[in-house]
Amino acid sequence: MDNKQTRLKTILEKLYARYNHRHLIKPDPLQFVYKYSNNADMEIAGFLAAALAYGRVQQIEKSLTDLLARMNGSPYSFILHFDNKKRRGLKSFKHRFTTGDDISDLLMLLKKVLIRCGSIEKSFIQGYSKKDKNIIPALSKFCGSLLAMSGRRITKGLAYLLPRPESGSACKRLNLFLRWMVRKDSVDAGLWKAIDKAKLIVPVDVHMGRLCRILGLYKQKTVSLSAAVQITESFAALEPADPVKYDFALSRVGIIENCTGKRRNECKSCELSELCEINR
């Protein structure tokens, strides 16, 4: 590592030590994974929480609280026994432009996954290879296999919940789910054991993209899959075995410290201030 990378790693380690704690998870949608103690329920709750992780944080919390409350204490059992009656019960659900029908379509696909494979993990690893450079090929195969199960025209709402990497999407929400499932520390659940965390891609949305651009981790102006890969490679230069290690801590800077990328008085106490000034 050069001097700039060494300095950045030192700063990121300080952020990790400051923010990477279980009690700081809320209001992150990851909190809904820990409302369950059974791995099967935690996995399903995580998938749904990540799928709806778009929009305002408060609305995400409200929508997930509503959705999971309709599942009678066990998301896994609810999906395994999903039928038309349960579909009707979700008709009134709404999260921004995701409707109850969109969620029902997704749950029907997940039901097929659970019946065939027993878990989302076992389905996912069917397309995973240790020889792949990163998780993208496996993610593409997983989404493709799910959508192929639909057996009918894929609606716009379902396609949004299952974005495919080949479309150029950064797939932020699916990469977020994979981080939760694969990594294991004070924040991430680490339920999946067969996937190497070194293969993960940083979940990049507009806010994370802006912060990473300020830090000089990539130069693109748009958030895309190629941008997410470039950002991940920048982190891999610092932490090759765990390139998404700092994702949660950096996201806290935006959520807890309300970072907008613009210079404010609060920036004086931020660990990232020095590098932000250099790269502005």
Protein backbone atom coordinates (compact mmCIF):
# COMPACT_ATOMS: atom_id res chain seq x y z
CA MET A 1 0.00 0.00 0.00
CA ASP A 2 1.15 3.55 -0.70
CA ASN A 3 1.01 6.30 1.93
CA LYS A 4 -2.48 7.45 0.91
CA GLN A 5 -3.86 3.91 1.14
CA THR A 6 -2.18 3.38 4.50
CA ARG A 7 -3.72 6.59 5.82
CA LEU A 8 -7.15 5.65 4.46
CA LYS A 9 -6.98 2.20 6.04
CA THR A 10 -6.03 3.72 9.40
CA ILE A 11 -9.01 6.08 9.21
CA LEU A 12 -11.40 3.33 8.15
CA GLU A 13 -10.27 1.13 11.02
CA LYS A 14 -11.14 3.98 13.40
CA LEU A 15 -14.58 4.25 11.81
CA TYR A 16 -15.02 0.49 12.06
CA ALA A 17 -14.13 0.56 15.76
CA ARG A 18 -16.50 3.47 16.35
CA TYR A 19 -19.57 2.34 14.43
CA ASN A 20 -19.45 -1.42 13.87
CA HIS A 21 -21.52 -2.40 16.91
CA ARG A 22 -24.82 -4.24 17.26
CA HIS A 23 -26.49 -1.42 19.21
CA LEU A 24 -25.90 0.97 16.29
CA ILE A 25 -27.68 -1.18 13.69
CA LYS A 26 -31.04 0.55 14.04
CA PRO A 27 -32.43 2.13 11.82
CA ASP A 28 -30.62 -0.07 9.26
CA PRO A 29 -33.01 -2.71 7.80
CA LEU A 30 -30.55 -5.33 9.06
CA GLN A 31 -32.27 -4.88 12.43
CA PHE A 32 -35.14 -7.07 11.18
CA VAL A 33 -32.84 -10.07 10.81
CA TYR A 34 -32.19 -9.99 14.54
CA LYS A 35 -35.87 -10.00 15.45
CA TYR A 36 -35.67 -13.78 14.90
CA SER A 37 -33.50 -16.48 16.47
CA ASN A 38 -34.10 -19.25 13.95
CA ASN A 39 -31.67 -19.21 11.00
CA ALA A 40 -34.41 -20.02 8.49
CA ASP A 41 -36.50 -17.05 9.64
CA MET A 42 -33.44 -14.79 9.81
CA GLU A 43 -32.49 -15.61 6.22
CA ILE A 44 -35.98 -14.87 4.88
CA ALA A 45 -36.33 -11.70 6.97
CA GLY A 46 -32.96 -10.56 5.64
CA PHE A 47 -33.93 -11.16 2.03
CA LEU A 48 -37.19 -9.22 2.40
CA ALA A 49 -35.50 -6.44 4.39
CA ALA A 50 -32.87 -6.00 1.69
CA ALA A 51 -35.46 -6.18 -1.11
CA LEU A 52 -37.35 -3.21 0.39
CA ALA A 53 -34.23 -1.25 1.39
CA TYR A 54 -34.95 1.71 -0.88
CA GLY A 55 -36.45 5.09 -0.07
CA ARG A 56 -36.47 6.96 3.24
CA VAL A 57 -35.17 5.02 6.24
CA GLN A 58 -38.31 5.71 8.27
CA GLN A 59 -40.56 4.39 5.49
CA ILE A 60 -38.43 1.25 5.11
CA GLU A 61 -38.79 0.54 8.85
CA LYS A 62 -42.54 1.13 8.72
CA SER A 63 -43.05 -1.10 5.67
CA LEU A 64 -40.94 -3.98 6.99
CA THR A 65 -42.64 -3.83 10.37
CA ASP A 66 -45.98 -4.08 8.57
CA LEU A 67 -44.93 -6.86 6.20
CA LEU A 68 -43.27 -9.10 8.79
CA ALA A 69 -46.15 -8.60 11.24
CA ARG A 70 -48.43 -10.22 8.63
CA MET A 71 -46.27 -13.37 8.72
CA ASN A 72 -47.39 -14.53 12.16
CA GLY A 73 -43.97 -14.81 13.81
CA SER A 74 -42.28 -17.01 11.18
CA PRO A 75 -41.45 -15.65 7.71
CA TYR A 76 -40.09 -19.08 6.74
CA SER A 77 -43.29 -20.93 7.65
CA PHE A 78 -45.44 -18.19 6.09
CA ILE A 79 -43.66 -18.56 2.75
CA LEU A 80 -43.50 -22.35 2.86
CA HIS A 81 -47.29 -22.41 3.21
CA PHE A 82 -47.97 -19.40 0.99
CA ASP A 83 -51.27 -19.67 -0.92
CA ASN A 84 -54.00 -17.55 -2.46
CA LYS A 85 -55.48 -16.74 0.94
CA LYS A 86 -52.17 -15.32 2.10
CA ARG A 87 -51.84 -13.46 -1.20
CA ARG A 88 -55.17 -11.77 -0.53
CA GLY A 89 -53.93 -10.86 2.93
CA LEU A 90 -51.01 -8.99 1.38
CA LYS A 91 -53.15 -7.13 -1.15
CA SER A 92 -53.17 -3.95 0.93
CA PHE A 93 -49.40 -3.88 1.46
CA LYS A 94 -47.52 -1.00 -0.15
CA HIS A 95 -43.94 0.25 -0.01
CA ARG A 96 -43.41 3.15 -2.37
CA PHE A 97 -43.96 1.53 -5.78
CA THR A 98 -43.73 -2.06 -4.52
CA THR A 99 -47.24 -3.46 -4.18
CA GLY A 100 -48.68 -6.37 -2.29
CA ASP A 101 -48.91 -8.28 -5.57
CA ASP A 102 -45.21 -7.68 -6.21
CA ILE A 103 -44.37 -9.10 -2.79
CA SER A 104 -46.69 -12.04 -3.34
CA ASP A 105 -45.00 -12.81 -6.66
CA LEU A 106 -41.64 -12.77 -4.90
CA LEU A 107 -42.90 -14.99 -2.07
CA MET A 108 -44.21 -17.54 -4.56
CA LEU A 109 -40.73 -17.79 -6.08
CA LEU A 110 -39.14 -18.08 -2.65
CA LYS A 111 -41.62 -20.84 -1.80
CA LYS A 112 -40.39 -22.81 -4.81
CA VAL A 113 -36.80 -22.23 -3.67
CA LEU A 114 -37.54 -23.50 -0.16
CA ILE A 115 -39.35 -26.57 -1.45
CA ARG A 116 -36.62 -27.45 -3.94
CA CYS A 117 -33.51 -26.53 -1.95
CA GLY A 118 -34.53 -25.96 1.67
CA SER A 119 -33.02 -22.49 1.92
CA ILE A 120 -32.00 -19.46 -0.10
CA GLU A 121 -28.35 -20.28 0.62
CA LYS A 122 -28.56 -23.76 -0.89
CA SER A 123 -30.21 -22.33 -3.99
CA PHE A 124 -27.63 -19.56 -4.32
CA ILE A 125 -24.56 -21.78 -4.02
CA GLN A 126 -25.74 -23.89 -6.97
CA GLY A 127 -24.45 -21.07 -9.15
CA TYR A 128 -21.42 -20.20 -7.03
CA SER A 129 -17.86 -21.12 -7.95
CA LYS A 130 -14.71 -20.46 -5.95
CA LYS A 131 -12.99 -19.85 -9.28
CA ASP A 132 -15.09 -16.76 -10.00
CA LYS A 133 -13.34 -13.45 -9.40
CA ASN A 134 -16.31 -12.15 -7.42
CA ILE A 135 -19.90 -12.95 -6.52
CA ILE A 136 -21.43 -11.35 -9.62
CA PRO A 137 -21.72 -14.53 -11.76
CA ALA A 138 -23.41 -16.40 -8.91
CA LEU A 139 -25.76 -13.47 -8.27
CA SER A 140 -26.68 -13.35 -11.94
CA LYS A 141 -27.43 -17.09 -12.02
CA PHE A 142 -29.46 -16.85 -8.82
CA CYS A 143 -31.66 -14.01 -10.06
CA GLY A 144 -32.02 -15.68 -13.43
CA SER A 145 -33.12 -18.96 -11.88
CA LEU A 146 -35.68 -17.20 -9.69
CA LEU A 147 -37.17 -15.23 -12.55
CA ALA A 148 -37.26 -18.37 -14.70
CA MET A 149 -39.44 -20.00 -12.04
CA SER A 150 -42.08 -17.36 -12.54
CA GLY A 151 -43.60 -19.28 -15.45
CA ARG A 152 -45.30 -16.16 -16.80
CA ARG A 153 -44.55 -12.61 -17.85
CA ILE A 154 -42.17 -10.99 -15.38
CA THR A 155 -43.78 -7.85 -14.02
CA LYS A 156 -41.89 -4.59 -13.65
CA GLY A 157 -42.40 -4.74 -9.88
CA LEU A 158 -40.88 -8.22 -9.57
CA ALA A 159 -37.98 -7.32 -11.85
CA TYR A 160 -37.21 -4.36 -9.56
CA LEU A 161 -37.03 -6.65 -6.54
CA LEU A 162 -34.69 -9.02 -8.41
CA PRO A 163 -32.37 -6.82 -10.51
CA ARG A 164 -29.90 -8.72 -12.68
CA PRO A 165 -26.22 -7.66 -12.81
CA GLU A 166 -26.12 -8.04 -16.61
CA SER A 167 -28.45 -5.04 -16.84
CA GLY A 168 -25.67 -2.87 -15.40
CA SER A 169 -27.45 -2.37 -12.08
CA ALA A 170 -25.21 -2.03 -9.02
CA CYS A 171 -27.63 -4.49 -7.34
CA LYS A 172 -27.16 -2.63 -4.08
CA ARG A 173 -29.96 -4.38 -2.20
CA LEU A 174 -28.93 -7.90 -3.20
CA ASN A 175 -25.28 -7.17 -2.40
CA LEU A 176 -26.46 -5.81 0.94
CA PHE A 177 -28.26 -9.09 1.65
CA LEU A 178 -25.15 -11.07 0.71
CA ARG A 179 -23.03 -8.96 3.06
CA TRP A 180 -25.43 -9.69 5.93
CA MET A 181 -25.47 -13.42 5.18
CA VAL A 182 -21.78 -14.05 4.38
CA ARG A 183 -19.84 -11.79 6.75
CA LYS A 184 -19.74 -12.48 10.47
CA ASP A 185 -18.93 -9.81 13.04
CA SER A 186 -20.72 -7.65 15.61
CA VAL A 187 -23.06 -6.38 12.88
CA ASP A 188 -23.34 -8.93 10.07
CA ALA A 189 -25.10 -12.22 10.82
CA GLY A 190 -22.82 -14.62 8.91
CA LEU A 191 -25.47 -17.32 8.46
CA TRP A 192 -23.96 -18.60 5.21
CA LYS A 193 -20.75 -20.61 5.51
CA ALA A 194 -19.96 -21.75 1.96
CA ILE A 195 -19.14 -18.39 0.34
CA ASP A 196 -15.83 -16.57 0.66
CA LYS A 197 -16.38 -13.01 1.91
CA ALA A 198 -13.52 -11.90 -0.36
CA LYS A 199 -15.91 -12.43 -3.30
CA LEU A 200 -18.48 -9.90 -2.07
CA ILE A 201 -19.26 -6.61 -3.83
CA VAL A 202 -19.78 -3.37 -1.90
CA PRO A 203 -23.49 -2.40 -1.82
CA VAL A 204 -23.45 1.00 -3.53
CA ASP A 205 -26.33 3.45 -3.63
CA VAL A 206 -26.30 7.19 -4.33
CA HIS A 207 -25.14 8.08 -0.81
CA MET A 208 -22.39 5.47 -0.62
CA GLY A 209 -21.34 6.35 -4.15
CA ARG A 210 -21.02 10.03 -3.28
CA LEU A 211 -18.91 9.30 -0.20
CA CYS A 212 -16.62 6.89 -2.06
CA ARG A 213 -16.18 9.41 -4.86
CA ILE A 214 -15.19 12.09 -2.34
CA LEU A 215 -12.67 9.65 -0.87
CA GLY A 216 -11.18 9.08 -4.33
CA LEU A 217 -12.14 5.40 -4.52
CA TYR A 218 -13.64 5.72 -8.01
CA LYS A 219 -14.19 8.42 -10.63
CA GLN A 220 -17.44 7.55 -12.36
CA LYS A 221 -20.32 9.98 -12.08
CA THR A 222 -23.07 7.36 -12.05
CA VAL A 223 -23.73 4.48 -9.67
CA SER A 224 -23.51 1.31 -11.75
CA LEU A 225 -22.23 -2.23 -11.44
CA SER A 226 -18.87 -1.22 -12.87
CA ALA A 227 -18.66 1.56 -10.27
CA ALA A 228 -19.46 -0.93 -7.50
CA VAL A 229 -16.72 -3.25 -8.78
CA GLN A 230 -14.22 -0.40 -8.93
CA ILE A 231 -15.09 0.67 -5.38
CA THR A 232 -14.78 -2.91 -4.18
CA GLU A 233 -11.37 -3.24 -5.81
CA SER A 234 -10.24 -0.05 -4.04
CA PHE A 235 -11.30 -1.53 -0.71
CA ALA A 236 -9.70 -4.89 -1.63
CA ALA A 237 -6.37 -3.09 -1.96
CA LEU A 238 -6.73 -2.24 1.74
CA GLU A 239 -8.40 -5.44 2.97
CA PRO A 240 -8.09 -8.22 0.35
CA ALA A 241 -9.81 -10.92 2.41
CA ASP A 242 -12.77 -8.72 3.36
CA PRO A 243 -13.38 -5.85 0.91
CA VAL A 244 -16.85 -4.96 2.24
CA LYS A 245 -15.66 -4.78 5.87
CA TYR A 246 -16.07 -1.01 6.10
CA ASP A 247 -19.45 -0.75 4.36
CA PHE A 248 -21.59 -0.55 7.50
CA ALA A 249 -19.29 1.94 9.24
CA LEU A 250 -19.18 4.24 6.22
CA SER A 251 -22.94 4.10 5.82
CA ARG A 252 -23.27 5.26 9.45
CA VAL A 253 -21.40 8.45 8.53
CA GLY A 254 -24.24 9.23 6.17
CA ILE A 255 -27.09 8.08 8.40
CA ILE A 256 -25.94 9.01 11.92
CA GLU A 257 -23.81 12.04 11.03
CA ASN A 258 -26.13 13.11 8.20
CA CYS A 259 -23.26 13.56 5.75
CA THR A 260 -24.37 15.17 2.48
CA GLY A 261 -20.95 15.59 0.91
CA LYS A 262 -21.03 19.34 1.52
CA ARG A 263 -18.66 21.07 3.92
CA ARG A 264 -20.25 21.76 7.33
CA ASN A 265 -19.04 22.65 10.81
CA GLU A 266 -19.65 19.02 11.86
CA CYS A 267 -16.97 17.91 9.39
CA LYS A 268 -14.25 19.10 11.77
CA SER A 269 -14.85 16.10 14.07
CA CYS A 270 -15.19 13.52 11.29
CA GLU A 271 -12.38 11.02 10.77
CA LEU A 272 -12.81 11.33 7.00
CA SER A 273 -12.42 15.12 6.91
CA GLU A 274 -8.74 15.09 5.93
CA LEU A 275 -9.24 12.82 2.92
CA CYS A 276 -12.43 14.58 1.89
CA GLU A 277 -10.54 17.85 1.64
CA ILE A 278 -7.78 16.28 -0.46
CA ASN A 279 -10.20 14.74 -2.95
CA ARG A 280 -12.74 17.55 -3.32
